[in-house]
């Protein structure tokens, strides 16, 4: 599992670097964070998304972690 996760992360990071400067989203987009998420830190991801997504709507769900759809399925 650790090896698979590491490979997945390396592939994800390489893909994100490839589109870093050309990524622009022009459709309405909703981002949902759990306020207990320690994996995808909102303080880093929100400014990154804000710079690339024209119509961004963000919501922070209390007491939810990284798997926000499992922690707060009704809210999601």
C-alpha atoms as a PDB file:
ATOM      1  CA  UNK A   1       0.000   0.000   0.000  1.00  0.00           C
ATOM      2  CA  UNK A   2       2.837   2.413   0.836  1.00  0.00           C
ATOM      3  CA  UNK A   3       4.544   1.773  -2.506  1.00  0.00           C
ATOM      4  CA  UNK A   4       1.288   2.200  -4.421  1.00  0.00           C
ATOM      5  CA  UNK A   5       0.540   5.442  -2.581  1.00  0.00           C
ATOM      6  CA  UNK A   6       4.028   6.787  -3.282  1.00  0.00           C
ATOM      7  CA  UNK A   7       3.733   5.944  -6.991  1.00  0.00           C
ATOM      8  CA  UNK A   8       0.317   7.574  -7.168  1.00  0.00           C
ATOM      9  CA  UNK A   9       1.603  10.734  -5.484  1.00  0.00           C
ATOM     10  CA  UNK A  10       4.625  10.969  -7.805  1.00  0.00           C
ATOM     11  CA  UNK A  11       2.362  10.586 -10.846  1.00  0.00           C
ATOM     12  CA  UNK A  12      -0.090  13.161  -9.479  1.00  0.00           C
ATOM     13  CA  UNK A  13       2.673  15.669  -8.751  1.00  0.00           C
ATOM     14  CA  UNK A  14       4.198  15.194 -12.214  1.00  0.00           C
ATOM     15  CA  UNK A  15       0.802  15.731 -13.821  1.00  0.00           C
ATOM     16  CA  UNK A  16       0.123  18.851 -11.793  1.00  0.00           C
ATOM     17  CA  UNK A  17       3.510  20.310 -12.707  1.00  0.00           C
ATOM     18  CA  UNK A  18       2.736  19.700 -16.382  1.00  0.00           C
ATOM     19  CA  UNK A  19      -0.472  21.774 -16.230  1.00  0.00           C
ATOM     20  CA  UNK A  20       0.554  24.236 -13.513  1.00  0.00           C
ATOM     21  CA  UNK A  21       0.713  27.332 -15.690  1.00  0.00           C
ATOM     22  CA  UNK A  22      -1.912  26.447 -18.279  1.00  0.00           C
ATOM     23  CA  UNK A  23      -4.735  25.332 -16.010  1.00  0.00           C
ATOM     24  CA  UNK A  24      -7.724  27.667 -16.187  1.00  0.00           C
ATOM     25  CA  UNK A  25     -11.254  26.584 -15.275  1.00  0.00           C
ATOM     26  CA  UNK A  26     -14.122  28.721 -16.543  1.00  0.00           C
ATOM     27  CA  UNK A  27     -17.141  26.688 -15.382  1.00  0.00           C
ATOM     28  CA  UNK A  28     -18.718  27.165 -11.948  1.00  0.00           C
ATOM     29  CA  UNK A  29     -16.791  24.991  -9.495  1.00  0.00           C
ATOM     30  CA  UNK A  30     -17.443  24.061  -5.871  1.00  0.00           C
ATOM     31  CA  UNK A  31     -14.610  23.091  -3.513  1.00  0.00           C
ATOM     32  CA  UNK A  32     -15.426  21.498  -0.180  1.00  0.00           C
ATOM     33  CA  UNK A  33     -12.947  21.195   2.670  1.00  0.00           C
ATOM     34  CA  UNK A  34     -13.227  19.582   6.035  1.00  0.00           C
ATOM     35  CA  UNK A  35     -11.883  21.841   8.749  1.00  0.00           C
ATOM     36  CA  UNK A  36     -10.049  18.846  10.226  1.00  0.00           C
ATOM     37  CA  UNK A  37      -8.343  17.900   6.926  1.00  0.00           C
ATOM     38  CA  UNK A  38      -4.617  17.454   7.511  1.00  0.00           C
ATOM     39  CA  UNK A  39      -3.889  16.102   4.014  1.00  0.00           C
ATOM     40  CA  UNK A  40      -5.039  18.860   1.630  1.00  0.00           C
ATOM     41  CA  UNK A  41      -4.376  22.024   3.574  1.00  0.00           C
ATOM     42  CA  UNK A  42      -6.904  24.739   2.764  1.00  0.00           C
ATOM     43  CA  UNK A  43      -4.385  27.525   3.360  1.00  0.00           C
ATOM     44  CA  UNK A  44      -2.325  26.235   0.424  1.00  0.00           C
ATOM     45  CA  UNK A  45      -5.001  24.844  -1.902  1.00  0.00           C
ATOM     46  CA  UNK A  46      -7.503  27.698  -1.727  1.00  0.00           C
ATOM     47  CA  UNK A  47      -5.166  30.410  -3.102  1.00  0.00           C
ATOM     48  CA  UNK A  48      -3.960  27.972  -5.775  1.00  0.00           C
ATOM     49  CA  UNK A  49      -7.540  27.246  -6.862  1.00  0.00           C
ATOM     50  CA  UNK A  50      -8.630  30.893  -6.597  1.00  0.00           C
ATOM     51  CA  UNK A  51      -5.902  31.849  -9.080  1.00  0.00           C
ATOM     52  CA  UNK A  52      -7.059  29.247 -11.618  1.00  0.00           C
ATOM     53  CA  UNK A  53     -10.829  28.881 -11.219  1.00  0.00           C
ATOM     54  CA  UNK A  54     -12.881  31.796 -12.488  1.00  0.00           C
ATOM     55  CA  UNK A  55     -16.137  30.989 -10.622  1.00  0.00           C
ATOM     56  CA  UNK A  56     -15.072  29.248  -7.388  1.00  0.00           C
ATOM     57  CA  UNK A  57     -17.503  28.563  -4.558  1.00  0.00           C
ATOM     58  CA  UNK A  58     -15.858  27.182  -1.390  1.00  0.00           C
ATOM     59  CA  UNK A  59     -17.393  25.557   1.629  1.00  0.00           C
ATOM     60  CA  UNK A  60     -15.722  24.395   4.832  1.00  0.00           C
ATOM     61  CA  UNK A  61     -17.473  21.656   6.768  1.00  0.00           C
ATOM     62  CA  UNK A  62     -16.890  21.507  10.526  1.00  0.00           C
ATOM     63  CA  UNK A  63     -15.551  18.299  12.069  1.00  0.00           C
ATOM     64  CA  UNK A  64     -14.824  16.752   8.655  1.00  0.00           C
ATOM     65  CA  UNK A  65     -11.441  15.445   7.570  1.00  0.00           C
ATOM     66  CA  UNK A  66      -9.867  14.726   4.187  1.00  0.00           C
ATOM     67  CA  UNK A  67     -12.586  12.255   3.162  1.00  0.00           C
ATOM     68  CA  UNK A  68     -15.265  14.870   3.598  1.00  0.00           C
ATOM     69  CA  UNK A  69     -17.796  12.874   1.570  1.00  0.00           C
ATOM     70  CA  UNK A  70     -17.526  10.082   4.180  1.00  0.00           C
ATOM     71  CA  UNK A  71     -17.415  12.376   7.223  1.00  0.00           C
ATOM     72  CA  UNK A  72     -20.332  14.592   6.135  1.00  0.00           C
ATOM     73  CA  UNK A  73     -22.180  12.848   3.280  1.00  0.00           C
ATOM     74  CA  UNK A  74     -25.447  14.710   3.759  1.00  0.00           C
ATOM     75  CA  UNK A  75     -23.724  18.099   3.602  1.00  0.00           C
ATOM     76  CA  UNK A  76     -21.719  17.109   0.533  1.00  0.00           C
END
